[in-house]
Amino acid sequence: MKVNQEGQFTSTSGKELTGATISFKNGRVVTASDSGKPVGPETIVLNADGSQSDVMAASVGNGAGTYLYTWGTATTASESIELSVPGSTTKYAEKYSTKLTWTLTDVPGN
């Protein structure tokens, strides 16, 4: 599985939130399966240039079953997904948004 950010955050009037980044921290694979589980990075920092970041991947012969990839626990949830905006970036009192695309790149046969 991969994720990419499709462009920088922009406001409703088209102003860009220059240098803003989204980070996913404290990542971990969760499963009840006994088979070899997939792996994923503990931290993902997305780039506004649209490049894909790996979320979770399994090597050949592994990954059968159902898996969840979580960021944080009940105690670390508030610090596990972060939007960082440089102090020097001009911020307007407007709504900002961007689009994240999640892609499942390979699905095993049944």
N, C-alpha and C. Protein backbone atom coordinates (compact mmCIF):
# COMPACT_ATOMS: atom_id res chain seq x y z
N MET A 1 0.84 -1.16 0.00
CA MET A 1 0.00 0.00 0.00
C MET A 1 0.90 1.23 0.00
N LYS A 2 0.46 2.23 -0.74
CA LYS A 2 1.21 3.48 -0.83
C LYS A 2 0.26 4.65 -0.64
N VAL A 3 0.82 5.81 -0.33
CA VAL A 3 0.04 7.04 -0.21
C VAL A 3 0.82 8.18 -0.85
N ASN A 4 0.10 9.10 -1.46
CA ASN A 4 0.76 10.31 -1.96
C ASN A 4 -0.15 11.51 -1.75
N GLN A 5 0.50 12.65 -1.59
CA GLN A 5 -0.19 13.93 -1.43
C GLN A 5 -0.19 14.61 -2.78
N GLU A 6 -1.37 14.96 -3.26
CA GLU A 6 -1.50 15.54 -4.59
C GLU A 6 -1.49 17.06 -4.54
N GLY A 7 -0.32 17.61 -4.23
CA GLY A 7 -0.17 19.06 -4.21
C GLY A 7 -0.15 19.62 -2.80
N GLN A 8 0.33 20.85 -2.71
CA GLN A 8 0.43 21.55 -1.43
C GLN A 8 -0.97 21.95 -0.95
N PHE A 9 -1.09 22.19 0.34
CA PHE A 9 -2.34 22.71 0.89
C PHE A 9 -2.63 24.06 0.24
N THR A 10 -3.85 24.24 -0.21
CA THR A 10 -4.27 25.53 -0.76
C THR A 10 -5.56 25.96 -0.07
N SER A 11 -5.72 27.27 0.02
CA SER A 11 -6.92 27.82 0.68
C SER A 11 -8.07 27.89 -0.31
N THR A 12 -9.23 28.23 0.21
CA THR A 12 -10.41 28.35 -0.63
C THR A 12 -10.25 29.42 -1.70
N SER A 13 -9.35 30.39 -1.46
CA SER A 13 -9.11 31.43 -2.47
C SER A 13 -7.85 31.15 -3.29
N GLY A 14 -7.24 29.95 -3.10
CA GLY A 14 -6.09 29.55 -3.90
C GLY A 14 -4.73 29.88 -3.34
N LYS A 15 -4.66 30.38 -2.10
CA LYS A 15 -3.36 30.68 -1.48
C LYS A 15 -2.72 29.38 -1.00
N GLU A 16 -1.41 29.25 -1.22
CA GLU A 16 -0.69 28.02 -0.87
C GLU A 16 -0.08 28.13 0.52
N LEU A 17 -0.12 27.03 1.25
CA LEU A 17 0.49 26.94 2.58
C LEU A 17 1.92 26.42 2.39
N THR A 18 2.80 27.29 1.96
CA THR A 18 4.16 26.94 1.54
C THR A 18 4.93 26.20 2.64
N GLY A 19 5.51 25.06 2.26
CA GLY A 19 6.36 24.30 3.17
C GLY A 19 5.63 23.42 4.16
N ALA A 20 4.32 23.37 4.11
CA ALA A 20 3.55 22.54 5.04
C ALA A 20 3.79 21.06 4.75
N THR A 21 3.91 20.25 5.79
CA THR A 21 4.09 18.81 5.62
C THR A 21 3.15 18.04 6.54
N ILE A 22 2.75 16.87 6.08
CA ILE A 22 1.96 15.95 6.90
C ILE A 22 2.88 14.79 7.27
N SER A 23 2.92 14.46 8.56
CA SER A 23 3.71 13.33 9.05
C SER A 23 2.80 12.33 9.74
N PHE A 24 3.02 11.06 9.45
CA PHE A 24 2.35 9.96 10.14
C PHE A 24 3.43 9.29 10.99
N LYS A 25 3.24 9.26 12.30
CA LYS A 25 4.27 8.74 13.22
C LYS A 25 3.74 7.56 14.02
N ASN A 26 4.66 6.82 14.62
CA ASN A 26 4.32 5.68 15.49
C ASN A 26 3.55 4.60 14.74
N GLY A 27 3.92 4.37 13.48
CA GLY A 27 3.24 3.37 12.66
C GLY A 27 3.54 1.95 13.09
N ARG A 28 2.53 1.10 12.96
CA ARG A 28 2.73 -0.32 13.29
C ARG A 28 1.66 -1.16 12.61
N VAL A 29 2.04 -2.39 12.28
CA VAL A 29 1.12 -3.36 11.68
C VAL A 29 0.42 -4.11 12.81
N VAL A 30 -0.90 -4.24 12.70
CA VAL A 30 -1.70 -4.94 13.71
C VAL A 30 -2.44 -6.08 13.03
N THR A 31 -2.37 -7.29 13.64
CA THR A 31 -3.05 -8.45 13.06
C THR A 31 -3.24 -9.53 14.10
N ALA A 32 -4.17 -10.42 13.82
CA ALA A 32 -4.34 -11.63 14.63
C ALA A 32 -3.80 -12.83 13.86
N SER A 33 -3.28 -12.60 12.66
CA SER A 33 -2.81 -13.67 11.78
C SER A 33 -1.48 -14.25 12.26
N ASP A 34 -1.30 -15.53 11.98
CA ASP A 34 -0.04 -16.19 12.31
C ASP A 34 0.95 -16.19 11.15
N SER A 35 0.50 -15.79 9.96
CA SER A 35 1.40 -15.79 8.80
C SER A 35 2.36 -14.61 8.88
N GLY A 36 3.39 -14.67 8.04
CA GLY A 36 4.37 -13.58 8.02
C GLY A 36 3.69 -12.27 7.68
N LYS A 37 3.80 -11.31 8.58
CA LYS A 37 3.07 -10.07 8.36
C LYS A 37 3.86 -9.07 7.52
N PRO A 38 3.16 -8.15 6.89
CA PRO A 38 3.84 -7.12 6.12
C PRO A 38 4.58 -6.16 7.06
N VAL A 39 5.40 -5.33 6.48
CA VAL A 39 6.14 -4.34 7.25
C VAL A 39 5.82 -2.95 6.72
N GLY A 40 6.06 -1.96 7.55
CA GLY A 40 5.85 -0.58 7.14
C GLY A 40 6.73 0.33 7.98
N PRO A 41 6.98 1.53 7.49
CA PRO A 41 7.85 2.45 8.22
C PRO A 41 7.16 2.99 9.48
N GLU A 42 7.94 3.30 10.48
CA GLU A 42 7.39 3.88 11.70
C GLU A 42 6.93 5.32 11.44
N THR A 43 7.62 6.03 10.54
CA THR A 43 7.28 7.41 10.22
C THR A 43 7.21 7.61 8.72
N ILE A 44 6.19 8.32 8.27
CA ILE A 44 6.04 8.70 6.87
C ILE A 44 5.87 10.22 6.84
N VAL A 45 6.67 10.91 6.03
CA VAL A 45 6.51 12.34 5.81
C VAL A 45 6.15 12.52 4.35
N LEU A 46 4.97 13.03 4.08
CA LEU A 46 4.51 13.18 2.70
C LEU A 46 5.13 14.39 2.03
N ASN A 47 5.35 14.27 0.72
CA ASN A 47 5.85 15.37 -0.09
C ASN A 47 4.71 15.91 -0.94
N ALA A 48 4.61 17.22 -1.04
CA ALA A 48 3.56 17.84 -1.83
C ALA A 48 3.79 17.67 -3.33
N ASP A 49 4.94 17.11 -3.71
CA ASP A 49 5.25 16.93 -5.13
C ASP A 49 4.53 15.73 -5.75
N GLY A 50 3.76 14.99 -4.95
CA GLY A 50 3.00 13.86 -5.48
C GLY A 50 3.72 12.53 -5.44
N SER A 51 4.97 12.51 -4.96
CA SER A 51 5.69 11.23 -4.90
C SER A 51 5.03 10.30 -3.88
N GLN A 52 5.05 9.00 -4.20
CA GLN A 52 4.41 8.01 -3.34
C GLN A 52 5.32 7.60 -2.19
N SER A 53 4.71 7.34 -1.05
CA SER A 53 5.41 6.82 0.12
C SER A 53 4.84 5.45 0.44
N ASP A 54 5.72 4.50 0.75
CA ASP A 54 5.28 3.16 1.15
C ASP A 54 4.61 3.23 2.51
N VAL A 55 3.46 2.57 2.63
CA VAL A 55 2.77 2.46 3.91
C VAL A 55 2.98 1.07 4.47
N MET A 56 2.77 0.05 3.64
CA MET A 56 2.89 -1.33 4.09
C MET A 56 3.19 -2.20 2.89
N ALA A 57 4.09 -3.18 3.07
CA ALA A 57 4.45 -4.10 1.98
C ALA A 57 4.80 -5.46 2.57
N ALA A 58 4.52 -6.51 1.81
CA ALA A 58 4.84 -7.87 2.24
C ALA A 58 5.77 -8.50 1.22
N SER A 59 6.73 -9.27 1.71
CA SER A 59 7.62 -10.00 0.81
C SER A 59 6.90 -11.25 0.30
N VAL A 60 7.46 -11.89 -0.71
CA VAL A 60 6.86 -13.09 -1.31
C VAL A 60 6.62 -14.14 -0.23
N GLY A 61 5.42 -14.71 -0.22
CA GLY A 61 5.07 -15.74 0.75
C GLY A 61 4.54 -15.20 2.07
N ASN A 62 4.52 -13.89 2.22
CA ASN A 62 4.02 -13.26 3.45
C ASN A 62 2.84 -12.36 3.13
N GLY A 63 2.12 -11.96 4.15
CA GLY A 63 1.04 -11.00 3.98
C GLY A 63 -0.34 -11.57 3.80
N ALA A 64 -0.49 -12.91 3.83
CA ALA A 64 -1.84 -13.49 3.72
C ALA A 64 -2.60 -13.19 5.00
N GLY A 65 -3.84 -12.79 4.87
CA GLY A 65 -4.65 -12.48 6.05
C GLY A 65 -5.12 -11.04 6.03
N THR A 66 -5.63 -10.60 7.16
CA THR A 66 -6.13 -9.24 7.30
C THR A 66 -5.21 -8.46 8.22
N TYR A 67 -4.81 -7.28 7.77
CA TYR A 67 -3.89 -6.46 8.53
C TYR A 67 -4.39 -5.03 8.61
N LEU A 68 -4.09 -4.39 9.70
CA LEU A 68 -4.36 -2.96 9.88
C LEU A 68 -3.03 -2.27 10.07
N TYR A 69 -2.93 -1.06 9.56
CA TYR A 69 -1.74 -0.26 9.83
C TYR A 69 -2.21 0.95 10.61
N THR A 70 -1.75 1.08 11.82
CA THR A 70 -2.20 2.18 12.68
C THR A 70 -1.06 3.13 12.97
N TRP A 71 -1.42 4.34 13.27
CA TRP A 71 -0.44 5.33 13.70
C TRP A 71 -0.79 5.71 15.13
N GLY A 72 0.04 5.23 16.04
CA GLY A 72 -0.15 5.53 17.44
C GLY A 72 -1.07 4.56 18.15
N THR A 73 -1.21 4.80 19.43
CA THR A 73 -2.08 4.03 20.32
C THR A 73 -3.03 5.02 20.98
N ALA A 74 -3.84 4.54 21.89
CA ALA A 74 -4.75 5.44 22.60
C ALA A 74 -3.99 6.55 23.31
N THR A 75 -2.80 6.26 23.80
CA THR A 75 -2.03 7.28 24.52
C THR A 75 -1.19 8.17 23.62
N THR A 76 -0.88 7.73 22.40
CA THR A 76 -0.04 8.55 21.51
C THR A 76 -0.79 9.08 20.29
N ALA A 77 -2.10 8.87 20.24
CA ALA A 77 -2.88 9.26 19.05
C ALA A 77 -2.75 10.74 18.72
N SER A 78 -2.76 11.61 19.72
CA SER A 78 -2.74 13.05 19.47
C SER A 78 -1.43 13.54 18.88
N GLU A 79 -0.38 12.76 18.97
CA GLU A 79 0.91 13.17 18.41
C GLU A 79 1.34 12.32 17.21
N SER A 80 0.47 11.44 16.75
CA SER A 80 0.86 10.48 15.72
C SER A 80 0.58 10.92 14.29
N ILE A 81 -0.31 11.88 14.08
CA ILE A 81 -0.51 12.46 12.76
C ILE A 81 -0.38 13.97 12.94
N GLU A 82 0.55 14.55 12.19
CA GLU A 82 0.93 15.94 12.44
C GLU A 82 0.95 16.76 11.16
N LEU A 83 0.41 17.95 11.22
CA LEU A 83 0.55 18.93 10.16
C LEU A 83 1.52 19.97 10.67
N SER A 84 2.62 20.15 9.95
CA SER A 84 3.64 21.11 10.34
C SER A 84 3.69 22.23 9.30
N VAL A 85 3.59 23.46 9.77
CA VAL A 85 3.64 24.63 8.89
C VAL A 85 4.75 25.54 9.40
N PRO A 86 5.74 25.85 8.55
CA PRO A 86 6.83 26.72 8.99
C PRO A 86 6.30 28.05 9.53
N GLY A 87 6.94 28.55 10.58
CA GLY A 87 6.53 29.83 11.17
C GLY A 87 6.60 30.98 10.19
N SER A 88 7.50 30.90 9.21
CA SER A 88 7.67 31.98 8.24
C SER A 88 6.60 31.97 7.15
N THR A 89 5.79 30.91 7.08
CA THR A 89 4.74 30.82 6.05
C THR A 89 3.57 31.72 6.42
N THR A 90 3.13 32.54 5.47
CA THR A 90 1.95 33.38 5.70
C THR A 90 0.71 32.50 5.78
N LYS A 91 -0.06 32.72 6.84
CA LYS A 91 -1.27 31.93 7.07
C LYS A 91 -2.47 32.87 7.06
N TYR A 92 -3.45 32.54 6.25
CA TYR A 92 -4.67 33.35 6.16
C TYR A 92 -5.79 32.64 6.90
N ALA A 93 -6.75 33.38 7.39
CA ALA A 93 -7.89 32.80 8.11
C ALA A 93 -8.88 32.21 7.11
N GLU A 94 -8.43 31.17 6.44
CA GLU A 94 -9.23 30.49 5.43
C GLU A 94 -9.09 28.98 5.63
N LYS A 95 -9.97 28.22 5.03
CA LYS A 95 -9.89 26.76 5.06
C LYS A 95 -8.86 26.31 4.04
N TYR A 96 -7.93 25.44 4.46
CA TYR A 96 -6.92 24.87 3.58
C TYR A 96 -7.20 23.39 3.39
N SER A 97 -6.88 22.87 2.21
CA SER A 97 -7.07 21.44 1.98
C SER A 97 -6.06 20.93 0.95
N THR A 98 -5.89 19.63 0.95
CA THR A 98 -5.11 18.92 -0.06
C THR A 98 -5.78 17.56 -0.23
N LYS A 99 -5.28 16.77 -1.15
CA LYS A 99 -5.86 15.45 -1.39
C LYS A 99 -4.79 14.38 -1.17
N LEU A 100 -5.14 13.33 -0.42
CA LEU A 100 -4.27 12.17 -0.24
C LEU A 100 -4.87 11.02 -1.03
N THR A 101 -4.03 10.31 -1.79
CA THR A 101 -4.48 9.15 -2.55
C THR A 101 -3.81 7.91 -1.99
N TRP A 102 -4.61 6.94 -1.58
CA TRP A 102 -4.13 5.67 -1.04
C TRP A 102 -4.27 4.63 -2.13
N THR A 103 -3.17 3.88 -2.41
CA THR A 103 -3.16 2.92 -3.51
C THR A 103 -2.74 1.54 -3.02
N LEU A 104 -3.59 0.56 -3.28
CA LEU A 104 -3.25 -0.84 -3.02
C LEU A 104 -2.63 -1.35 -4.31
N THR A 105 -1.34 -1.68 -4.29
CA THR A 105 -0.60 -1.97 -5.51
C THR A 105 -0.60 -3.43 -5.93
N ASP A 106 -0.94 -4.34 -5.04
CA ASP A 106 -0.93 -5.76 -5.39
C ASP A 106 -1.89 -6.49 -4.47
N VAL A 107 -2.68 -7.36 -5.02
CA VAL A 107 -3.64 -8.12 -4.23
C VAL A 107 -3.42 -9.60 -4.51
N PRO A 108 -3.19 -10.42 -3.46
CA PRO A 108 -2.97 -11.85 -3.70
C PRO A 108 -4.25 -12.54 -4.14
N GLY A 109 -4.11 -13.67 -4.83
CA GLY A 109 -5.27 -14.48 -5.23
C GLY A 109 -5.82 -15.23 -4.04
N ASN A 110 -7.06 -15.66 -4.13
CA ASN A 110 -7.68 -16.41 -3.02
C ASN A 110 -7.34 -17.87 -3.11
